[in-house]
PDB file of all heavy atoms in Angstrom:
ATOM      1  N   GLU A   1     114.121 191.362  81.731  1.00  0.00           N
ATOM      2  CA  GLU A   1     115.454 191.792  81.318  1.00  0.00           C
ATOM      3  C   GLU A   1     116.513 190.715  81.554  1.00  0.00           C
ATOM      4  O   GLU A   1     117.581 190.758  80.953  1.00  0.00           O
ATOM      5  CB  GLU A   1     115.858 193.066  82.073  1.00  0.00           C
ATOM      6  CG  GLU A   1     115.002 194.280  81.759  1.00  0.00           C
ATOM      7  CD  GLU A   1     115.461 195.499  82.527  1.00  0.00           C
ATOM      8  OE1 GLU A   1     116.680 195.608  82.785  1.00  0.00           O
ATOM      9  OE2 GLU A   1     114.623 196.338  82.875  1.00  0.00           O
ATOM     10  N   ILE A   2     116.238 189.767  82.421  1.00  0.00           N
ATOM     11  CA  ILE A   2     117.208 188.726  82.761  1.00  0.00           C
ATOM     12  C   ILE A   2     116.615 187.365  82.377  1.00  0.00           C
ATOM     13  O   ILE A   2     115.655 186.912  83.004  1.00  0.00           O
ATOM     14  CB  ILE A   2     117.571 188.751  84.256  1.00  0.00           C
ATOM     15  CG1 ILE A   2     118.182 190.109  84.627  1.00  0.00           C
ATOM     16  CG2 ILE A   2     118.520 187.617  84.610  1.00  0.00           C
ATOM     17  CD1 ILE A   2     118.521 190.257  86.098  1.00  0.00           C
ATOM     18  N   PRO A   3     117.146 186.709  81.378  1.00  0.00           N
ATOM     19  CA  PRO A   3     116.611 185.413  80.940  1.00  0.00           C
ATOM     20  C   PRO A   3     116.573 184.401  82.084  1.00  0.00           C
ATOM     21  O   PRO A   3     117.558 184.253  82.820  1.00  0.00           O
ATOM     22  CB  PRO A   3     117.594 184.977  79.850  1.00  0.00           C
ATOM     23  CG  PRO A   3     118.201 186.247  79.357  1.00  0.00           C
ATOM     24  CD  PRO A   3     118.295 187.144  80.556  1.00  0.00           C
ATOM     25  N   GLY A   4     115.447 183.742  82.236  1.00  0.00           N
ATOM     26  CA  GLY A   4     115.310 182.713  83.256  1.00  0.00           C
ATOM     27  C   GLY A   4     114.866 183.212  84.609  1.00  0.00           C
ATOM     28  O   GLY A   4     114.513 182.414  85.479  1.00  0.00           O
ATOM     29  N   LEU A   5     114.872 184.523  84.812  1.00  0.00           N
ATOM     30  CA  LEU A   5     114.454 185.084  86.104  1.00  0.00           C
ATOM     31  C   LEU A   5     112.942 185.273  86.107  1.00  0.00           C
ATOM     32  O   LEU A   5     112.374 185.844  85.186  1.00  0.00           O
ATOM     33  CB  LEU A   5     115.148 186.426  86.344  1.00  0.00           C
ATOM     34  CG  LEU A   5     114.771 187.160  87.646  1.00  0.00           C
ATOM     35  CD1 LEU A   5     115.201 186.355  88.869  1.00  0.00           C
ATOM     36  CD2 LEU A   5     115.404 188.547  87.673  1.00  0.00           C
ATOM     37  N   HIS A   6     112.295 184.793  87.163  1.00  0.00           N
ATOM     38  CA  HIS A   6     110.842 184.904  87.266  1.00  0.00           C
ATOM     39  C   HIS A   6     110.402 185.957  88.271  1.00  0.00           C
ATOM     40  O   HIS A   6     109.345 186.566  88.104  1.00  0.00           O
ATOM     41  CB  HIS A   6     110.229 183.553  87.655  1.00  0.00           C
ATOM     42  CG  HIS A   6     110.429 182.500  86.616  1.00  0.00           C
ATOM     43  ND1 HIS A   6     109.647 182.386  85.493  1.00  0.00           N
ATOM     44  CD2 HIS A   6     111.377 181.518  86.517  1.00  0.00           C
ATOM     45  CE1 HIS A   6     110.075 181.383  84.740  1.00  0.00           C
ATOM     46  NE2 HIS A   6     111.127 180.838  85.349  1.00  0.00           N
ATOM     47  N   ALA A   7     111.185 186.165  89.332  1.00  0.00           N
ATOM     48  CA  ALA A   7     110.801 187.136  90.354  1.00  0.00           C
ATOM     49  C   ALA A   7     112.025 187.505  91.181  1.00  0.00           C
ATOM     50  O   ALA A   7     112.933 186.691  91.363  1.00  0.00           O
ATOM     51  CB  ALA A   7     109.716 186.564  91.263  1.00  0.00           C
ATOM     52  N   VAL A   8     112.026 188.739  91.662  1.00  0.00           N
ATOM     53  CA  VAL A   8     113.090 189.185  92.569  1.00  0.00           C
ATOM     54  C   VAL A   8     112.475 190.167  93.556  1.00  0.00           C
ATOM     55  O   VAL A   8     111.577 190.919  93.214  1.00  0.00           O
ATOM     56  CB  VAL A   8     114.265 189.840  91.793  1.00  0.00           C
ATOM     57  CG1 VAL A   8     113.830 191.115  91.083  1.00  0.00           C
ATOM     58  CG2 VAL A   8     115.441 190.128  92.728  1.00  0.00           C
ATOM     59  N   ASN A   9     112.942 190.118  94.798  1.00  0.00           N
ATOM     60  CA  ASN A   9     112.443 191.010  95.840  1.00  0.00           C
ATOM     61  C   ASN A   9     113.613 191.500  96.677  1.00  0.00           C
ATOM     62  O   ASN A   9     114.352 190.700  97.254  1.00  0.00           O
ATOM     63  CB  ASN A   9     111.440 190.277  96.742  1.00  0.00           C
ATOM     64  CG  ASN A   9     110.968 191.140  97.903  1.00  0.00           C
ATOM     65  OD1 ASN A   9     110.878 192.360  97.777  1.00  0.00           O
ATOM     66  ND2 ASN A   9     110.670 190.519  99.032  1.00  0.00           N
ATOM     67  N   ALA A  10     113.808 192.821  96.690  1.00  0.00           N
ATOM     68  CA  ALA A  10     114.752 193.426  97.628  1.00  0.00           C
ATOM     69  C   ALA A  10     113.988 193.570  98.943  1.00  0.00           C
ATOM     70  O   ALA A  10     113.063 194.377  99.040  1.00  0.00           O
ATOM     71  CB  ALA A  10     115.228 194.774  97.112  1.00  0.00           C
ATOM     72  N   VAL A  11     114.359 192.786  99.931  1.00  0.00           N
ATOM     73  CA  VAL A  11     113.531 192.610 101.126  1.00  0.00           C
ATOM     74  C   VAL A  11     113.540 193.878 101.980  1.00  0.00           C
ATOM     75  O   VAL A  11     114.563 194.244 102.563  1.00  0.00           O
ATOM     76  CB  VAL A  11     114.007 191.394 101.940  1.00  0.00           C
ATOM     77  CG1 VAL A  11     113.127 191.208 103.179  1.00  0.00           C
ATOM     78  CG2 VAL A  11     113.962 190.134 101.070  1.00  0.00           C
ATOM     79  N   ASP A  12     112.406 194.529 102.039  1.00  0.00           N
ATOM     80  CA  ASP A  12     112.302 195.812 102.743  1.00  0.00           C
ATOM     81  C   ASP A  12     112.627 195.672 104.226  1.00  0.00           C
ATOM     82  O   ASP A  12     113.296 196.534 104.811  1.00  0.00           O
ATOM     83  CB  ASP A  12     110.896 196.377 102.567  1.00  0.00           C
ATOM     84  CG  ASP A  12     110.735 197.729 103.226  1.00  0.00           C
ATOM     85  OD1 ASP A  12     111.300 198.719 102.709  1.00  0.00           O
ATOM     86  OD2 ASP A  12     110.053 197.805 104.273  1.00  0.00           O
ATOM     87  N   ALA A  13     112.162 194.610 104.850  1.00  0.00           N
ATOM     88  CA  ALA A  13     112.373 194.437 106.290  1.00  0.00           C
ATOM     89  C   ALA A  13     113.851 194.353 106.655  1.00  0.00           C
ATOM     90  O   ALA A  13     114.228 194.615 107.793  1.00  0.00           O
ATOM     91  CB  ALA A  13     111.645 193.184 106.777  1.00  0.00           C
ATOM     92  N   ALA A  14     114.692 193.998 105.684  1.00  0.00           N
ATOM     93  CA  ALA A  14     116.137 193.923 105.914  1.00  0.00           C
ATOM     94  C   ALA A  14     116.855 195.171 105.406  1.00  0.00           C
ATOM     95  O   ALA A  14     118.079 195.166 105.262  1.00  0.00           O
ATOM     96  CB  ALA A  14     116.709 192.681 105.235  1.00  0.00           C
ATOM     97  N   GLY A  15     116.099 196.231 105.109  1.00  0.00           N
ATOM     98  CA  GLY A  15     116.725 197.458 104.654  1.00  0.00           C
ATOM     99  C   GLY A  15     116.906 197.559 103.154  1.00  0.00           C
ATOM    100  O   GLY A  15     117.642 198.408 102.672  1.00  0.00           O
ATOM    101  N   VAL A  16     116.281 196.684 102.395  1.00  0.00           N
ATOM    102  CA  VAL A  16     116.261 196.637 100.924  1.00  0.00           C
ATOM    103  C   VAL A  16     117.563 196.077 100.356  1.00  0.00           C
ATOM    104  O   VAL A  16     117.606 194.944  99.877  1.00  0.00           O
ATOM    105  CB  VAL A  16     115.937 198.012 100.294  1.00  0.00           C
ATOM    106  CG1 VAL A  16     115.906 197.910  98.774  1.00  0.00           C
ATOM    107  CG2 VAL A  16     114.594 198.524 100.811  1.00  0.00           C
ATOM    108  N   HIS A  17     118.643 196.857 100.362  1.00  0.00           N
ATOM    109  CA  HIS A  17     119.854 196.423  99.666  1.00  0.00           C
ATOM    110  C   HIS A  17     120.584 195.231 100.303  1.00  0.00           C
ATOM    111  O   HIS A  17     121.216 194.459  99.581  1.00  0.00           O
ATOM    112  CB  HIS A  17     120.828 197.598  99.522  1.00  0.00           C
ATOM    113  CG  HIS A  17     120.436 198.552  98.435  1.00  0.00           C
ATOM    114  ND1 HIS A  17     120.404 199.915  98.602  1.00  0.00           N
ATOM    115  CD2 HIS A  17     120.017 198.328  97.176  1.00  0.00           C
ATOM    116  CE1 HIS A  17     120.008 200.487  97.479  1.00  0.00           C
ATOM    117  NE2 HIS A  17     119.759 199.547  96.615  1.00  0.00           N
ATOM    118  N   PRO A  18     120.552 195.049 101.623  1.00  0.00           N
ATOM    119  CA  PRO A  18     121.304 193.913 102.162  1.00  0.00           C
ATOM    120  C   PRO A  18     120.829 192.539 101.705  1.00  0.00           C
ATOM    121  O   PRO A  18     121.614 191.601 101.661  1.00  0.00           O
ATOM    122  CB  PRO A  18     121.117 194.072 103.685  1.00  0.00           C
ATOM    123  CG  PRO A  18     120.921 195.537 103.880  1.00  0.00           C
ATOM    124  CD  PRO A  18     120.106 195.969 102.685  1.00  0.00           C
ATOM    125  N   LEU A  19     119.545 192.390 101.349  1.00  0.00           N
ATOM    126  CA  LEU A  19     118.987 191.049 101.143  1.00  0.00           C
ATOM    127  C   LEU A  19     118.078 191.000  99.924  1.00  0.00           C
ATOM    128  O   LEU A  19     117.113 191.765  99.822  1.00  0.00           O
ATOM    129  CB  LEU A  19     118.205 190.626 102.389  1.00  0.00           C
ATOM    130  CG  LEU A  19     117.507 189.262 102.366  1.00  0.00           C
ATOM    131  CD1 LEU A  19     118.511 188.137 102.212  1.00  0.00           C
ATOM    132  CD2 LEU A  19     116.677 189.078 103.636  1.00  0.00           C
ATOM    133  N   LEU A  20     118.379 190.074  99.006  1.00  0.00           N
ATOM    134  CA  LEU A  20     117.537 189.831  97.836  1.00  0.00           C
ATOM    135  C   LEU A  20     117.029 188.394  97.856  1.00  0.00           C
ATOM    136  O   LEU A  20     117.767 187.470  98.191  1.00  0.00           O
ATOM    137  CB  LEU A  20     118.325 190.029  96.539  1.00  0.00           C
ATOM    138  CG  LEU A  20     118.898 191.403  96.208  1.00  0.00           C
ATOM    139  CD1 LEU A  20     119.651 191.332  94.880  1.00  0.00           C
ATOM    140  CD2 LEU A  20     117.800 192.448  96.144  1.00  0.00           C
ATOM    141  N   PHE A  21     115.774 188.210  97.469  1.00  0.00           N
ATOM    142  CA  PHE A  21     115.205 186.894  97.195  1.00  0.00           C
ATOM    143  C   PHE A  21     114.902 186.836  95.700  1.00  0.00           C
ATOM    144  O   PHE A  21     114.401 187.803  95.120  1.00  0.00           O
ATOM    145  CB  PHE A  21     113.897 186.673  97.963  1.00  0.00           C
ATOM    146  CG  PHE A  21     114.047 186.471  99.449  1.00  0.00           C
ATOM    147  CD1 PHE A  21     112.930 186.538 100.279  1.00  0.00           C
ATOM    148  CD2 PHE A  21     115.282 186.216 100.020  1.00  0.00           C
ATOM    149  CE1 PHE A  21     113.049 186.354 101.638  1.00  0.00           C
ATOM    150  CE2 PHE A  21     115.414 186.034 101.391  1.00  0.00           C
ATOM    151  CZ  PHE A  21     114.295 186.097 102.197  1.00  0.00           C
ATOM    152  N   ALA A  22     115.178 185.701  95.082  1.00  0.00           N
ATOM    153  CA  ALA A  22     114.907 185.566  93.645  1.00  0.00           C
ATOM    154  C   ALA A  22     114.450 184.147  93.329  1.00  0.00           C
ATOM    155  O   ALA A  22     114.774 183.186  94.045  1.00  0.00           O
ATOM    156  CB  ALA A  22     116.148 185.919  92.831  1.00  0.00           C
ATOM    157  N   ILE A  23     113.712 184.031  92.237  1.00  0.00           N
ATOM    158  CA  ILE A  23     113.280 182.731  91.713  1.00  0.00           C
ATOM    159  C   ILE A  23     113.676 182.672  90.242  1.00  0.00           C
ATOM    160  O   ILE A  23     113.395 183.598  89.480  1.00  0.00           O
ATOM    161  CB  ILE A  23     111.759 182.539  91.847  1.00  0.00           C
ATOM    162  CG1 ILE A  23     111.338 182.555  93.322  1.00  0.00           C
ATOM    163  CG2 ILE A  23     111.322 181.231  91.193  1.00  0.00           C
ATOM    164  CD1 ILE A  23     109.836 182.553  93.531  1.00  0.00           C
ATOM    165  N   GLY A  24     114.353 181.606  89.865  1.00  0.00           N
ATOM    166  CA  GLY A  24     114.774 181.438  88.478  1.00  0.00           C
ATOM    167  C   GLY A  24     114.484 180.032  87.985  1.00  0.00           C
ATOM    168  O   GLY A  24     114.120 179.138  88.762  1.00  0.00           O
ATOM    169  N   SER A  25     114.655 179.845  86.704  1.00  0.00           N
ATOM    170  CA  SER A  25     114.481 178.515  86.106  1.00  0.00           C
ATOM    171  C   SER A  25     115.756 177.694  86.252  1.00  0.00           C
ATOM    172  O   SER A  25     116.868 178.241  86.207  1.00  0.00           O
ATOM    173  CB  SER A  25     114.143 178.650  84.625  1.00  0.00           C
ATOM    174  OG  SER A  25     112.855 179.194  84.444  1.00  0.00           O
ATOM    175  N   GLU A  26     115.612 176.394  86.433  1.00  0.00           N
ATOM    176  CA  GLU A  26     116.757 175.478  86.494  1.00  0.00           C
ATOM    177  C   GLU A  26     116.533 174.406  85.427  1.00  0.00           C
ATOM    178  O   GLU A  26     115.885 173.400  85.656  1.00  0.00           O
ATOM    179  CB  GLU A  26     116.874 174.863  87.892  1.00  0.00           C
ATOM    180  CG  GLU A  26     118.114 174.011  88.078  1.00  0.00           C
ATOM    181  CD  GLU A  26     119.389 174.762  87.692  1.00  0.00           C
ATOM    182  OE1 GLU A  26     119.793 175.688  88.427  1.00  0.00           O
ATOM    183  OE2 GLU A  26     119.956 174.429  86.624  1.00  0.00           O
ATOM    184  N   ARG A  27     117.114 174.675  84.216  1.00  0.00           N
ATOM    185  CA  ARG A  27     116.795 173.825  83.056  1.00  0.00           C
ATOM    186  C   ARG A  27     118.038 173.262  82.367  1.00  0.00           C
ATOM    187  O   ARG A  27     117.936 172.703  81.278  1.00  0.00           O
ATOM    188  CB  ARG A  27     116.009 174.662  82.030  1.00  0.00           C
ATOM    189  CG  ARG A  27     114.751 175.294  82.575  1.00  0.00           C
ATOM    190  CD  ARG A  27     114.243 176.405  81.675  1.00  0.00           C
ATOM    191  NE  ARG A  27     115.193 177.513  81.611  1.00  0.00           N
ATOM    192  CZ  ARG A  27     114.926 178.707  81.050  1.00  0.00           C
ATOM    193  NH1 ARG A  27     113.736 178.917  80.511  1.00  0.00           N
ATOM    194  NH2 ARG A  27     115.849 179.648  81.020  1.00  0.00           N
ATOM    195  N   TYR A  28     119.210 173.418  82.981  1.00  0.00           N
ATOM    196  CA  TYR A  28     120.440 173.068  82.272  1.00  0.00           C
ATOM    197  C   TYR A  28     120.543 171.580  81.946  1.00  0.00           C
ATOM    198  O   TYR A  28     120.997 171.202  80.874  1.00  0.00           O
ATOM    199  CB  TYR A  28     121.660 173.518  83.087  1.00  0.00           C
ATOM    200  CG  TYR A  28     122.077 174.948  82.832  1.00  0.00           C
ATOM    201  CD1 TYR A  28     121.284 175.817  82.081  1.00  0.00           C
ATOM    202  CD2 TYR A  28     123.269 175.436  83.343  1.00  0.00           C
ATOM    203  CE1 TYR A  28     121.664 177.120  81.859  1.00  0.00           C
ATOM    204  CE2 TYR A  28     123.669 176.755  83.120  1.00  0.00           C
ATOM    205  CZ  TYR A  28     122.854 177.588  82.381  1.00  0.00           C
ATOM    206  OH  TYR A  28     123.240 178.881  82.156  1.00  0.00           O
ATOM    207  N   THR A  29     120.165 170.738  82.890  1.00  0.00           N
ATOM    208  CA  THR A  29     120.329 169.294  82.660  1.00  0.00           C
ATOM    209  C   THR A  29     119.034 168.556  82.995  1.00  0.00           C
ATOM    210  O   THR A  29     118.979 167.786  83.964  1.00  0.00           O
ATOM    211  CB  THR A  29     121.494 168.735  83.505  1.00  0.00           C
ATOM    212  OG1 THR A  29     121.288 169.111  84.885  1.00  0.00           O
ATOM    213  CG2 THR A  29     122.827 169.286  83.028  1.00  0.00           C
ATOM    214  N   PRO A  30     117.965 168.768  82.235  1.00  0.00           N
ATOM    215  CA  PRO A  30     116.682 168.113  82.531  1.00  0.00           C
ATOM    216  C   PRO A  30     116.735 166.601  82.362  1.00  0.00           C
ATOM    217  O   PRO A  30     115.855 165.885  82.870  1.00  0.00           O
ATOM    218  CB  PRO A  30     115.723 168.758  81.519  1.00  0.00           C
ATOM    219  CG  PRO A  30     116.601 169.186  80.392  1.00  0.00           C
ATOM    220  CD  PRO A  30     117.888 169.609  81.029  1.00  0.00           C
ATOM    221  N   TYR A  31     117.754 166.099  81.658  1.00  0.00           N
ATOM    222  CA  TYR A  31     117.868 164.667  81.412  1.00  0.00           C
ATOM    223  C   TYR A  31     118.544 163.924  82.571  1.00  0.00           C
ATOM    224  O   TYR A  31     118.613 162.697  82.570  1.00  0.00           O
ATOM    225  CB  TYR A  31     118.674 164.434  80.121  1.00  0.00           C
ATOM    226  CG  TYR A  31     119.930 165.282  80.045  1.00  0.00           C
ATOM    227  CD1 TYR A  31     121.122 164.867  80.649  1.00  0.00           C
ATOM    228  CD2 TYR A  31     119.915 166.510  79.390  1.00  0.00           C
ATOM    229  CE1 TYR A  31     122.247 165.652  80.602  1.00  0.00           C
ATOM    230  CE2 TYR A  31     121.047 167.299  79.331  1.00  0.00           C
ATOM    231  CZ  TYR A  31     122.221 166.872  79.945  1.00  0.00           C
ATOM    232  OH  TYR A  31     123.334 167.658  79.892  1.00  0.00           O
ATOM    233  N   ILE A  32     119.039 164.654  83.568  1.00  0.00           N
ATOM    234  CA  ILE A  32     119.657 164.026  84.735  1.00  0.00           C
ATOM    235  C   ILE A  32     118.677 164.098  85.905  1.00  0.00           C
ATOM    236  O   ILE A  32     118.127 165.169  86.198  1.00  0.00           O
ATOM    237  CB  ILE A  32     120.980 164.723  85.099  1.00  0.00           C
ATOM    238  CG1 ILE A  32     121.989 164.560  83.948  1.00  0.00           C
ATOM    239  CG2 ILE A  32     121.557 164.157  86.399  1.00  0.00           C
ATOM    240  CD1 ILE A  32     123.305 165.267  84.186  1.00  0.00           C
ATOM    241  N   LYS A  33     118.470 162.989  86.559  1.00  0.00           N
ATOM    242  CA  LYS A  33     117.480 162.924  87.639  1.00  0.00           C
ATOM    243  C   LYS A  33     117.865 163.833  88.797  1.00  0.00           C
ATOM    244  O   LYS A  33     117.026 164.563  89.338  1.00  0.00           O
ATOM    245  CB  LYS A  33     117.332 161.474  88.118  1.00  0.00           C
ATOM    246  CG  LYS A  33     116.261 161.308  89.192  1.00  0.00           C
ATOM    247  CD  LYS A  33     116.099 159.846  89.595  1.00  0.00           C
ATOM    248  CE  LYS A  33     115.020 159.693  90.649  1.00  0.00           C
ATOM    249  NZ  LYS A  33     114.845 158.288  91.069  1.00  0.00           N
ATOM    250  N   GLU A  34     119.126 163.786  89.184  1.00  0.00           N
ATOM    251  CA  GLU A  34     119.576 164.620  90.302  1.00  0.00           C
ATOM    252  C   GLU A  34     119.683 166.078  89.838  1.00  0.00           C
ATOM    253  O   GLU A  34     120.364 166.383  88.873  1.00  0.00           O
ATOM    254  CB  GLU A  34     120.943 164.161  90.816  1.00  0.00           C
ATOM    255  CG  GLU A  34     121.442 164.990  91.986  1.00  0.00           C
ATOM    256  CD  GLU A  34     122.872 164.664  92.366  1.00  0.00           C
ATOM    257  OE1 GLU A  34     123.452 163.739  91.763  1.00  0.00           O
ATOM    258  OE2 GLU A  34     123.401 165.341  93.249  1.00  0.00           O
ATOM    259  N   ARG A  35     118.968 166.943  90.530  1.00  0.00           N
ATOM    260  CA  ARG A  35     118.998 168.358  90.167  1.00  0.00           C
ATOM    261  C   ARG A  35     119.818 169.138  91.166  1.00  0.00           C
ATOM    262  O   ARG A  35     119.780 168.861  92.366  1.00  0.00           O
ATOM    263  CB  ARG A  35     117.573 168.913  90.101  1.00  0.00           C
ATOM    264  CG  ARG A  35     116.751 168.240  89.001  1.00  0.00           C
ATOM    265  CD  ARG A  35     115.308 168.711  88.960  1.00  0.00           C
ATOM    266  NE  ARG A  35     115.227 170.150  88.761  1.00  0.00           N
ATOM    267  CZ  ARG A  35     114.837 171.020  89.688  1.00  0.00           C
ATOM    268  NH1 ARG A  35     114.519 170.580  90.886  1.00  0.00           N
ATOM    269  NH2 ARG A  35     114.772 172.301  89.415  1.00  0.00           N
TER     270      ARG A  35
END
């Protein structure tokens, strides 16, 4: 549902809503060495 998002986890050990972990793509400037 969210373009570029690969995974998200509402961290249960932190009570779910307080803490999210996510992984997304970083493709905006592939032609620049520094990311």
